[in-house]
Amino acid sequence: MSFSEAEVQSARGAWEKIYVDAEDNGTAVLIRMFTEHPDTKSYFTHFKGMDNAEEMKQSDQVRGHGKRVFTAINDMVQHLDNTEAFLGILNPLGQKHATQLKIDPKNFRIICDIILQLMEEKFGGDCKASFEKVTNEICTHLTNIYKEAGW
């Protein structure tokens, strides 16, 4: 993983814009994932009965998970200039999702793409472009973790 100082600052600046409202934006990302890719809901037994976006938006469980996703990404963003620390956050998450939760790894690309879409919609293409390398790094490392776990 190699980010220049300018890339780190640009990515952090882009992320700060969306992370300011982590719970609402995290919730919006999950709702979009669940509505555009309904099969992703199958991994969340407590979300399965929720069929419309408004119901999901009001759910403490959906809101809480959306915030957890954004908090994990925020922790990684704070360590873009320290590969060991970045992977120290990402590796356990990847291991848990691969071995315990058995979440299909394609879902990480889906959620990262939705985050980038939301960034572009809210803050423009430059914001999205500043953060694409981060999502690519996250997805690449998660793919490697999954391969090591036998997926």
N, C-alpha and C. Protein backbone atom coordinates (compact mmCIF):
# COMPACT_ATOMS: atom_id res chain seq x y z
N MET A 1 0.85 -1.17 0.00
CA MET A 1 0.00 0.00 0.00
C MET A 1 0.89 1.23 0.00
N SER A 2 0.61 2.11 -0.93
CA SER A 2 1.47 3.27 -1.01
C SER A 2 0.65 4.50 -1.41
N PHE A 3 0.51 5.39 -0.46
CA PHE A 3 -0.18 6.66 -0.70
C PHE A 3 0.85 7.77 -0.54
N SER A 4 0.86 8.70 -1.48
CA SER A 4 1.70 9.89 -1.31
C SER A 4 1.07 10.76 -0.23
N GLU A 5 1.84 11.69 0.29
CA GLU A 5 1.30 12.60 1.31
C GLU A 5 0.11 13.37 0.76
N ALA A 6 0.20 13.77 -0.51
CA ALA A 6 -0.91 14.51 -1.14
C ALA A 6 -2.16 13.62 -1.24
N GLU A 7 -1.97 12.34 -1.59
CA GLU A 7 -3.11 11.42 -1.68
C GLU A 7 -3.75 11.20 -0.31
N VAL A 8 -2.91 11.07 0.72
CA VAL A 8 -3.42 10.90 2.08
C VAL A 8 -4.27 12.10 2.47
N GLN A 9 -3.75 13.28 2.26
CA GLN A 9 -4.48 14.49 2.65
C GLN A 9 -5.77 14.66 1.86
N SER A 10 -5.70 14.37 0.57
CA SER A 10 -6.88 14.48 -0.28
C SER A 10 -7.95 13.46 0.12
N ALA A 11 -7.54 12.22 0.37
CA ALA A 11 -8.48 11.18 0.78
C ALA A 11 -9.10 11.51 2.13
N ARG A 12 -8.28 11.98 3.05
CA ARG A 12 -8.81 12.34 4.37
C ARG A 12 -9.80 13.49 4.27
N GLY A 13 -9.47 14.47 3.45
CA GLY A 13 -10.38 15.60 3.26
C GLY A 13 -11.71 15.17 2.68
N ALA A 14 -11.66 14.27 1.71
CA ALA A 14 -12.90 13.76 1.09
C ALA A 14 -13.70 12.97 2.11
N TRP A 15 -13.01 12.12 2.87
CA TRP A 15 -13.71 11.28 3.85
C TRP A 15 -14.34 12.13 4.96
N GLU A 16 -13.64 13.15 5.41
CA GLU A 16 -14.17 14.00 6.48
C GLU A 16 -15.52 14.59 6.11
N LYS A 17 -15.70 14.92 4.84
CA LYS A 17 -16.96 15.51 4.39
C LYS A 17 -18.14 14.58 4.62
N ILE A 18 -17.95 13.31 4.36
CA ILE A 18 -19.05 12.36 4.49
C ILE A 18 -19.13 11.78 5.90
N TYR A 19 -17.99 11.73 6.59
CA TYR A 19 -17.96 11.15 7.93
C TYR A 19 -18.55 12.08 8.98
N VAL A 20 -18.63 13.35 8.70
CA VAL A 20 -19.23 14.31 9.63
C VAL A 20 -20.62 13.85 10.05
N ASP A 21 -21.33 13.23 9.12
CA ASP A 21 -22.67 12.72 9.40
C ASP A 21 -22.65 11.20 9.21
N ALA A 22 -21.79 10.53 9.98
CA ALA A 22 -21.52 9.10 9.80
C ALA A 22 -22.76 8.22 9.94
N GLU A 23 -23.60 8.51 10.91
CA GLU A 23 -24.77 7.65 11.11
C GLU A 23 -25.75 7.76 9.95
N ASP A 24 -26.09 8.98 9.55
CA ASP A 24 -27.04 9.14 8.45
C ASP A 24 -26.45 8.66 7.13
N ASN A 25 -25.20 8.99 6.86
CA ASN A 25 -24.60 8.57 5.61
C ASN A 25 -24.36 7.06 5.58
N GLY A 26 -23.94 6.50 6.70
CA GLY A 26 -23.78 5.05 6.77
C GLY A 26 -25.11 4.34 6.57
N THR A 27 -26.16 4.89 7.15
CA THR A 27 -27.50 4.32 6.98
C THR A 27 -27.93 4.42 5.52
N ALA A 28 -27.69 5.56 4.89
CA ALA A 28 -28.05 5.75 3.48
C ALA A 28 -27.33 4.74 2.59
N VAL A 29 -26.06 4.48 2.89
CA VAL A 29 -25.30 3.51 2.11
C VAL A 29 -25.90 2.12 2.25
N LEU A 30 -26.21 1.72 3.48
CA LEU A 30 -26.80 0.39 3.69
C LEU A 30 -28.17 0.27 3.03
N ILE A 31 -28.99 1.30 3.15
CA ILE A 31 -30.32 1.26 2.53
C ILE A 31 -30.18 1.10 1.03
N ARG A 32 -29.28 1.83 0.44
CA ARG A 32 -29.08 1.72 -1.01
C ARG A 32 -28.59 0.32 -1.37
N MET A 33 -27.67 -0.21 -0.57
CA MET A 33 -27.17 -1.55 -0.84
C MET A 33 -28.31 -2.56 -0.75
N PHE A 34 -29.11 -2.47 0.30
CA PHE A 34 -30.20 -3.43 0.50
C PHE A 34 -31.29 -3.31 -0.56
N THR A 35 -31.55 -2.10 -1.04
CA THR A 35 -32.62 -1.93 -2.03
C THR A 35 -32.13 -2.22 -3.45
N GLU A 36 -30.89 -1.85 -3.76
CA GLU A 36 -30.36 -2.09 -5.11
C GLU A 36 -29.80 -3.51 -5.26
N HIS A 37 -29.42 -4.11 -4.15
CA HIS A 37 -28.85 -5.47 -4.15
C HIS A 37 -29.54 -6.25 -3.02
N PRO A 38 -30.81 -6.60 -3.21
CA PRO A 38 -31.59 -7.21 -2.12
C PRO A 38 -30.97 -8.49 -1.55
N ASP A 39 -30.19 -9.19 -2.35
CA ASP A 39 -29.56 -10.42 -1.84
C ASP A 39 -28.60 -10.13 -0.68
N THR A 40 -28.09 -8.89 -0.59
CA THR A 40 -27.16 -8.56 0.50
C THR A 40 -27.85 -8.60 1.86
N LYS A 41 -29.16 -8.41 1.88
CA LYS A 41 -29.89 -8.45 3.15
C LYS A 41 -29.90 -9.84 3.77
N SER A 42 -29.65 -10.85 2.97
CA SER A 42 -29.72 -12.23 3.47
C SER A 42 -28.67 -12.50 4.55
N TYR A 43 -27.63 -11.69 4.61
CA TYR A 43 -26.58 -11.87 5.62
C TYR A 43 -26.96 -11.24 6.96
N PHE A 44 -28.02 -10.48 6.96
CA PHE A 44 -28.43 -9.75 8.15
C PHE A 44 -29.82 -10.25 8.56
N THR A 45 -29.85 -11.27 9.41
CA THR A 45 -31.13 -11.88 9.76
C THR A 45 -32.09 -10.87 10.38
N HIS A 46 -31.56 -9.90 11.15
CA HIS A 46 -32.43 -8.93 11.81
C HIS A 46 -32.88 -7.81 10.87
N PHE A 47 -32.39 -7.78 9.60
CA PHE A 47 -32.85 -6.79 8.63
C PHE A 47 -33.81 -7.39 7.61
N LYS A 48 -33.90 -8.72 7.57
CA LYS A 48 -34.65 -9.39 6.50
C LYS A 48 -36.10 -8.93 6.39
N GLY A 49 -36.78 -8.71 7.49
CA GLY A 49 -38.19 -8.34 7.45
C GLY A 49 -38.45 -6.91 7.03
N MET A 50 -37.41 -6.13 6.92
CA MET A 50 -37.58 -4.72 6.54
C MET A 50 -37.61 -4.62 5.02
N ASP A 51 -38.75 -4.17 4.49
CA ASP A 51 -38.91 -4.18 3.04
C ASP A 51 -38.85 -2.81 2.38
N ASN A 52 -38.94 -1.75 3.17
CA ASN A 52 -38.89 -0.45 2.51
C ASN A 52 -37.83 0.45 3.16
N ALA A 53 -37.40 1.41 2.38
CA ALA A 53 -36.30 2.28 2.80
C ALA A 53 -36.64 3.06 4.06
N GLU A 54 -37.87 3.51 4.20
CA GLU A 54 -38.25 4.30 5.37
C GLU A 54 -38.16 3.47 6.64
N GLU A 55 -38.59 2.23 6.56
CA GLU A 55 -38.50 1.33 7.71
C GLU A 55 -37.03 1.12 8.10
N MET A 56 -36.18 0.92 7.10
CA MET A 56 -34.75 0.73 7.36
C MET A 56 -34.14 1.99 7.97
N LYS A 57 -34.55 3.13 7.44
CA LYS A 57 -34.00 4.41 7.92
C LYS A 57 -34.30 4.63 9.40
N GLN A 58 -35.45 4.13 9.85
CA GLN A 58 -35.85 4.30 11.25
C GLN A 58 -35.28 3.23 12.17
N SER A 59 -34.72 2.17 11.59
CA SER A 59 -34.24 1.05 12.39
C SER A 59 -32.94 1.38 13.12
N ASP A 60 -32.95 1.21 14.43
CA ASP A 60 -31.73 1.42 15.22
C ASP A 60 -30.64 0.43 14.80
N GLN A 61 -31.04 -0.78 14.41
CA GLN A 61 -30.05 -1.79 14.00
C GLN A 61 -29.37 -1.40 12.70
N VAL A 62 -30.13 -0.94 11.72
CA VAL A 62 -29.55 -0.51 10.44
C VAL A 62 -28.67 0.72 10.68
N ARG A 63 -29.17 1.67 11.44
CA ARG A 63 -28.41 2.89 11.72
C ARG A 63 -27.11 2.55 12.46
N GLY A 64 -27.21 1.66 13.43
CA GLY A 64 -26.02 1.27 14.18
C GLY A 64 -24.99 0.57 13.32
N HIS A 65 -25.44 -0.30 12.44
CA HIS A 65 -24.48 -1.01 11.57
C HIS A 65 -23.86 -0.04 10.56
N GLY A 66 -24.67 0.86 10.04
CA GLY A 66 -24.13 1.86 9.12
C GLY A 66 -23.04 2.70 9.77
N LYS A 67 -23.28 3.09 11.01
CA LYS A 67 -22.27 3.87 11.73
C LYS A 67 -21.03 3.02 12.01
N ARG A 68 -21.19 1.74 12.34
CA ARG A 68 -20.03 0.87 12.57
C ARG A 68 -19.18 0.74 11.31
N VAL A 69 -19.83 0.59 10.16
CA VAL A 69 -19.10 0.51 8.89
C VAL A 69 -18.30 1.79 8.69
N PHE A 70 -18.94 2.92 8.87
CA PHE A 70 -18.25 4.20 8.66
C PHE A 70 -17.14 4.41 9.69
N THR A 71 -17.35 3.98 10.91
CA THR A 71 -16.31 4.13 11.94
C THR A 71 -15.10 3.27 11.60
N ALA A 72 -15.32 2.06 11.11
CA ALA A 72 -14.20 1.19 10.72
C ALA A 72 -13.42 1.81 9.58
N ILE A 73 -14.13 2.34 8.59
CA ILE A 73 -13.43 3.00 7.48
C ILE A 73 -12.69 4.22 7.98
N ASN A 74 -13.31 4.98 8.87
CA ASN A 74 -12.64 6.15 9.43
C ASN A 74 -11.34 5.76 10.13
N ASP A 75 -11.36 4.68 10.89
CA ASP A 75 -10.14 4.21 11.56
C ASP A 75 -9.06 3.89 10.53
N MET A 76 -9.45 3.27 9.42
CA MET A 76 -8.47 2.97 8.37
C MET A 76 -7.93 4.25 7.73
N VAL A 77 -8.81 5.19 7.47
CA VAL A 77 -8.42 6.45 6.83
C VAL A 77 -7.38 7.19 7.69
N GLN A 78 -7.52 7.08 9.00
CA GLN A 78 -6.56 7.74 9.89
C GLN A 78 -5.17 7.11 9.79
N HIS A 79 -5.07 5.94 9.17
CA HIS A 79 -3.79 5.23 9.08
C HIS A 79 -3.37 4.96 7.64
N LEU A 80 -3.79 5.81 6.71
CA LEU A 80 -3.39 5.63 5.31
C LEU A 80 -1.89 5.76 5.12
N ASP A 81 -1.25 6.45 6.03
CA ASP A 81 0.20 6.65 5.93
C ASP A 81 0.98 5.63 6.77
N ASN A 82 0.29 4.60 7.27
CA ASN A 82 0.92 3.57 8.09
C ASN A 82 0.30 2.22 7.73
N THR A 83 0.92 1.54 6.79
CA THR A 83 0.36 0.28 6.28
C THR A 83 0.11 -0.73 7.39
N GLU A 84 1.03 -0.85 8.32
CA GLU A 84 0.87 -1.83 9.40
C GLU A 84 -0.37 -1.53 10.23
N ALA A 85 -0.58 -0.28 10.57
CA ALA A 85 -1.75 0.10 11.36
C ALA A 85 -3.04 -0.07 10.54
N PHE A 86 -2.99 0.32 9.28
CA PHE A 86 -4.14 0.17 8.37
C PHE A 86 -4.56 -1.30 8.31
N LEU A 87 -3.59 -2.18 8.08
CA LEU A 87 -3.88 -3.62 7.99
C LEU A 87 -4.25 -4.20 9.35
N GLY A 88 -3.75 -3.59 10.42
CA GLY A 88 -4.11 -4.03 11.76
C GLY A 88 -5.58 -3.84 12.06
N ILE A 89 -6.20 -2.90 11.37
CA ILE A 89 -7.64 -2.67 11.49
C ILE A 89 -8.39 -3.56 10.49
N LEU A 90 -7.90 -3.59 9.26
CA LEU A 90 -8.60 -4.29 8.19
C LEU A 90 -8.53 -5.81 8.31
N ASN A 91 -7.38 -6.34 8.68
CA ASN A 91 -7.23 -7.81 8.71
C ASN A 91 -8.21 -8.51 9.65
N PRO A 92 -8.37 -8.06 10.89
CA PRO A 92 -9.35 -8.75 11.76
C PRO A 92 -10.78 -8.64 11.24
N LEU A 93 -11.12 -7.50 10.65
CA LEU A 93 -12.46 -7.34 10.08
C LEU A 93 -12.66 -8.31 8.93
N GLY A 94 -11.66 -8.42 8.07
CA GLY A 94 -11.75 -9.34 6.95
C GLY A 94 -11.84 -10.78 7.40
N GLN A 95 -11.01 -11.14 8.39
CA GLN A 95 -11.04 -12.50 8.93
C GLN A 95 -12.42 -12.84 9.50
N LYS A 96 -12.97 -11.93 10.27
CA LYS A 96 -14.28 -12.17 10.88
C LYS A 96 -15.36 -12.34 9.82
N HIS A 97 -15.34 -11.45 8.82
CA HIS A 97 -16.37 -11.52 7.78
C HIS A 97 -16.20 -12.76 6.90
N ALA A 98 -14.98 -13.22 6.72
CA ALA A 98 -14.73 -14.40 5.88
C ALA A 98 -15.01 -15.70 6.61
N THR A 99 -14.56 -15.80 7.86
CA THR A 99 -14.61 -17.09 8.55
C THR A 99 -15.81 -17.26 9.47
N GLN A 100 -16.19 -16.22 10.19
CA GLN A 100 -17.32 -16.33 11.12
C GLN A 100 -18.64 -15.97 10.46
N LEU A 101 -18.67 -14.81 9.83
CA LEU A 101 -19.93 -14.32 9.26
C LEU A 101 -20.20 -14.87 7.87
N LYS A 102 -19.14 -15.29 7.18
CA LYS A 102 -19.23 -15.87 5.84
C LYS A 102 -19.97 -14.97 4.86
N ILE A 103 -19.56 -13.71 4.86
CA ILE A 103 -20.13 -12.70 3.97
C ILE A 103 -19.42 -12.80 2.62
N ASP A 104 -20.20 -12.87 1.54
CA ASP A 104 -19.61 -12.95 0.20
C ASP A 104 -18.74 -11.70 -0.03
N PRO A 105 -17.50 -11.89 -0.46
CA PRO A 105 -16.59 -10.75 -0.60
C PRO A 105 -17.02 -9.72 -1.65
N LYS A 106 -17.89 -10.10 -2.58
CA LYS A 106 -18.37 -9.13 -3.58
C LYS A 106 -19.12 -7.98 -2.91
N ASN A 107 -19.65 -8.24 -1.72
CA ASN A 107 -20.41 -7.19 -1.03
C ASN A 107 -19.55 -6.01 -0.62
N PHE A 108 -18.26 -6.23 -0.42
CA PHE A 108 -17.38 -5.12 -0.06
C PHE A 108 -17.22 -4.15 -1.22
N ARG A 109 -17.11 -4.68 -2.43
CA ARG A 109 -17.01 -3.81 -3.60
C ARG A 109 -18.31 -3.05 -3.77
N ILE A 110 -19.43 -3.74 -3.54
CA ILE A 110 -20.74 -3.09 -3.67
C ILE A 110 -20.82 -1.91 -2.69
N ILE A 111 -20.49 -2.14 -1.44
CA ILE A 111 -20.64 -1.07 -0.44
C ILE A 111 -19.64 0.05 -0.71
N CYS A 112 -18.44 -0.28 -1.15
CA CYS A 112 -17.46 0.77 -1.47
C CYS A 112 -17.93 1.60 -2.66
N ASP A 113 -18.50 0.94 -3.67
CA ASP A 113 -19.00 1.68 -4.84
C ASP A 113 -20.15 2.60 -4.44
N ILE A 114 -21.00 2.15 -3.53
CA ILE A 114 -22.11 3.00 -3.08
C ILE A 114 -21.59 4.19 -2.28
N ILE A 115 -20.57 3.98 -1.48
CA ILE A 115 -19.96 5.10 -0.75
C ILE A 115 -19.42 6.12 -1.75
N LEU A 116 -18.74 5.66 -2.79
CA LEU A 116 -18.21 6.58 -3.80
C LEU A 116 -19.34 7.31 -4.53
N GLN A 117 -20.42 6.61 -4.84
CA GLN A 117 -21.57 7.26 -5.48
C GLN A 117 -22.13 8.36 -4.59
N LEU A 118 -22.29 8.05 -3.31
CA LEU A 118 -22.83 9.04 -2.37
C LEU A 118 -21.91 10.24 -2.26
N MET A 119 -20.61 9.99 -2.22
CA MET A 119 -19.65 11.10 -2.17
C MET A 119 -19.79 11.99 -3.40
N GLU A 120 -19.91 11.36 -4.56
CA GLU A 120 -20.04 12.15 -5.79
C GLU A 120 -21.34 12.94 -5.80
N GLU A 121 -22.44 12.31 -5.39
CA GLU A 121 -23.72 13.00 -5.37
C GLU A 121 -23.71 14.20 -4.43
N LYS A 122 -23.10 14.04 -3.27
CA LYS A 122 -23.13 15.09 -2.25
C LYS A 122 -22.04 16.14 -2.44
N PHE A 123 -20.86 15.70 -2.90
CA PHE A 123 -19.70 16.61 -2.88
C PHE A 123 -18.98 16.73 -4.21
N GLY A 124 -19.43 16.02 -5.25
CA GLY A 124 -18.85 16.15 -6.58
C GLY A 124 -17.81 15.09 -6.91
N GLY A 125 -17.44 15.09 -8.17
CA GLY A 125 -16.52 14.09 -8.70
C GLY A 125 -15.12 14.14 -8.12
N ASP A 126 -14.65 15.33 -7.75
CA ASP A 126 -13.31 15.43 -7.17
C ASP A 126 -13.23 14.70 -5.83
N CYS A 127 -14.29 14.81 -5.06
CA CYS A 127 -14.35 14.13 -3.76
C CYS A 127 -14.28 12.62 -3.99
N LYS A 128 -15.10 12.14 -4.91
CA LYS A 128 -15.11 10.71 -5.23
C LYS A 128 -13.72 10.27 -5.70
N ALA A 129 -13.14 11.01 -6.61
CA ALA A 129 -11.83 10.65 -7.17
C ALA A 129 -10.76 10.60 -6.08
N SER A 130 -10.87 11.48 -5.09
CA SER A 130 -9.89 11.52 -4.01
C SER A 130 -9.97 10.29 -3.11
N PHE A 131 -11.11 9.61 -3.14
CA PHE A 131 -11.30 8.49 -2.22
C PHE A 131 -11.27 7.13 -2.91
N GLU A 132 -11.26 7.10 -4.23
CA GLU A 132 -11.30 5.83 -4.95
C GLU A 132 -10.13 4.91 -4.62
N LYS A 133 -8.95 5.46 -4.48
CA LYS A 133 -7.79 4.63 -4.18
C LYS A 133 -7.95 3.94 -2.82
N VAL A 134 -8.56 4.63 -1.88
CA VAL A 134 -8.79 4.05 -0.56
C VAL A 134 -9.72 2.84 -0.68
N THR A 135 -10.83 3.00 -1.38
CA THR A 135 -11.77 1.88 -1.52
C THR A 135 -11.13 0.73 -2.28
N ASN A 136 -10.30 1.05 -3.26
CA ASN A 136 -9.60 -0.01 -4.00
C ASN A 136 -8.65 -0.77 -3.09
N GLU A 137 -7.95 -0.06 -2.22
CA GLU A 137 -7.04 -0.71 -1.28
C GLU A 137 -7.80 -1.60 -0.30
N ILE A 138 -8.90 -1.09 0.21
CA ILE A 138 -9.71 -1.88 1.14
C ILE A 138 -10.17 -3.17 0.45
N CYS A 139 -10.73 -3.04 -0.74
CA CYS A 139 -11.26 -4.22 -1.44
C CYS A 139 -10.15 -5.18 -1.85
N THR A 140 -9.02 -4.68 -2.27
CA THR A 140 -7.89 -5.54 -2.65
C THR A 140 -7.41 -6.34 -1.45
N HIS A 141 -7.23 -5.68 -0.32
CA HIS A 141 -6.76 -6.38 0.88
C HIS A 141 -7.80 -7.37 1.39
N LEU A 142 -9.07 -7.00 1.33
CA LEU A 142 -10.11 -7.94 1.76
C LEU A 142 -10.14 -9.17 0.85
N THR A 143 -9.98 -8.97 -0.45
CA THR A 143 -9.92 -10.10 -1.38
C THR A 143 -8.77 -11.04 -1.02
N ASN A 144 -7.62 -10.48 -0.68
CA ASN A 144 -6.47 -11.29 -0.28
C ASN A 144 -6.74 -12.05 1.02
N ILE A 145 -7.39 -11.40 1.97
CA ILE A 145 -7.73 -12.06 3.23
C ILE A 145 -8.66 -13.24 2.96
N TYR A 146 -9.64 -13.02 2.10
CA TYR A 146 -10.58 -14.08 1.76
C TYR A 146 -9.88 -15.24 1.07
N LYS A 147 -8.96 -14.94 0.17
CA LYS A 147 -8.21 -16.00 -0.52
C LYS A 147 -7.43 -16.83 0.50
N GLU A 148 -6.80 -16.16 1.43
CA GLU A 148 -6.04 -16.87 2.48
C GLU A 148 -6.95 -17.71 3.36
N ALA A 149 -8.21 -17.29 3.49
CA ALA A 149 -9.18 -18.02 4.31
C ALA A 149 -9.86 -19.16 3.53
N GLY A 150 -9.48 -19.30 2.26
CA GLY A 150 -9.99 -20.42 1.48
C GLY A 150 -11.21 -20.14 0.62
N TRP A 151 -11.55 -18.89 0.41
CA TRP A 151 -12.70 -18.54 -0.44
C TRP A 151 -12.32 -18.69 -1.90
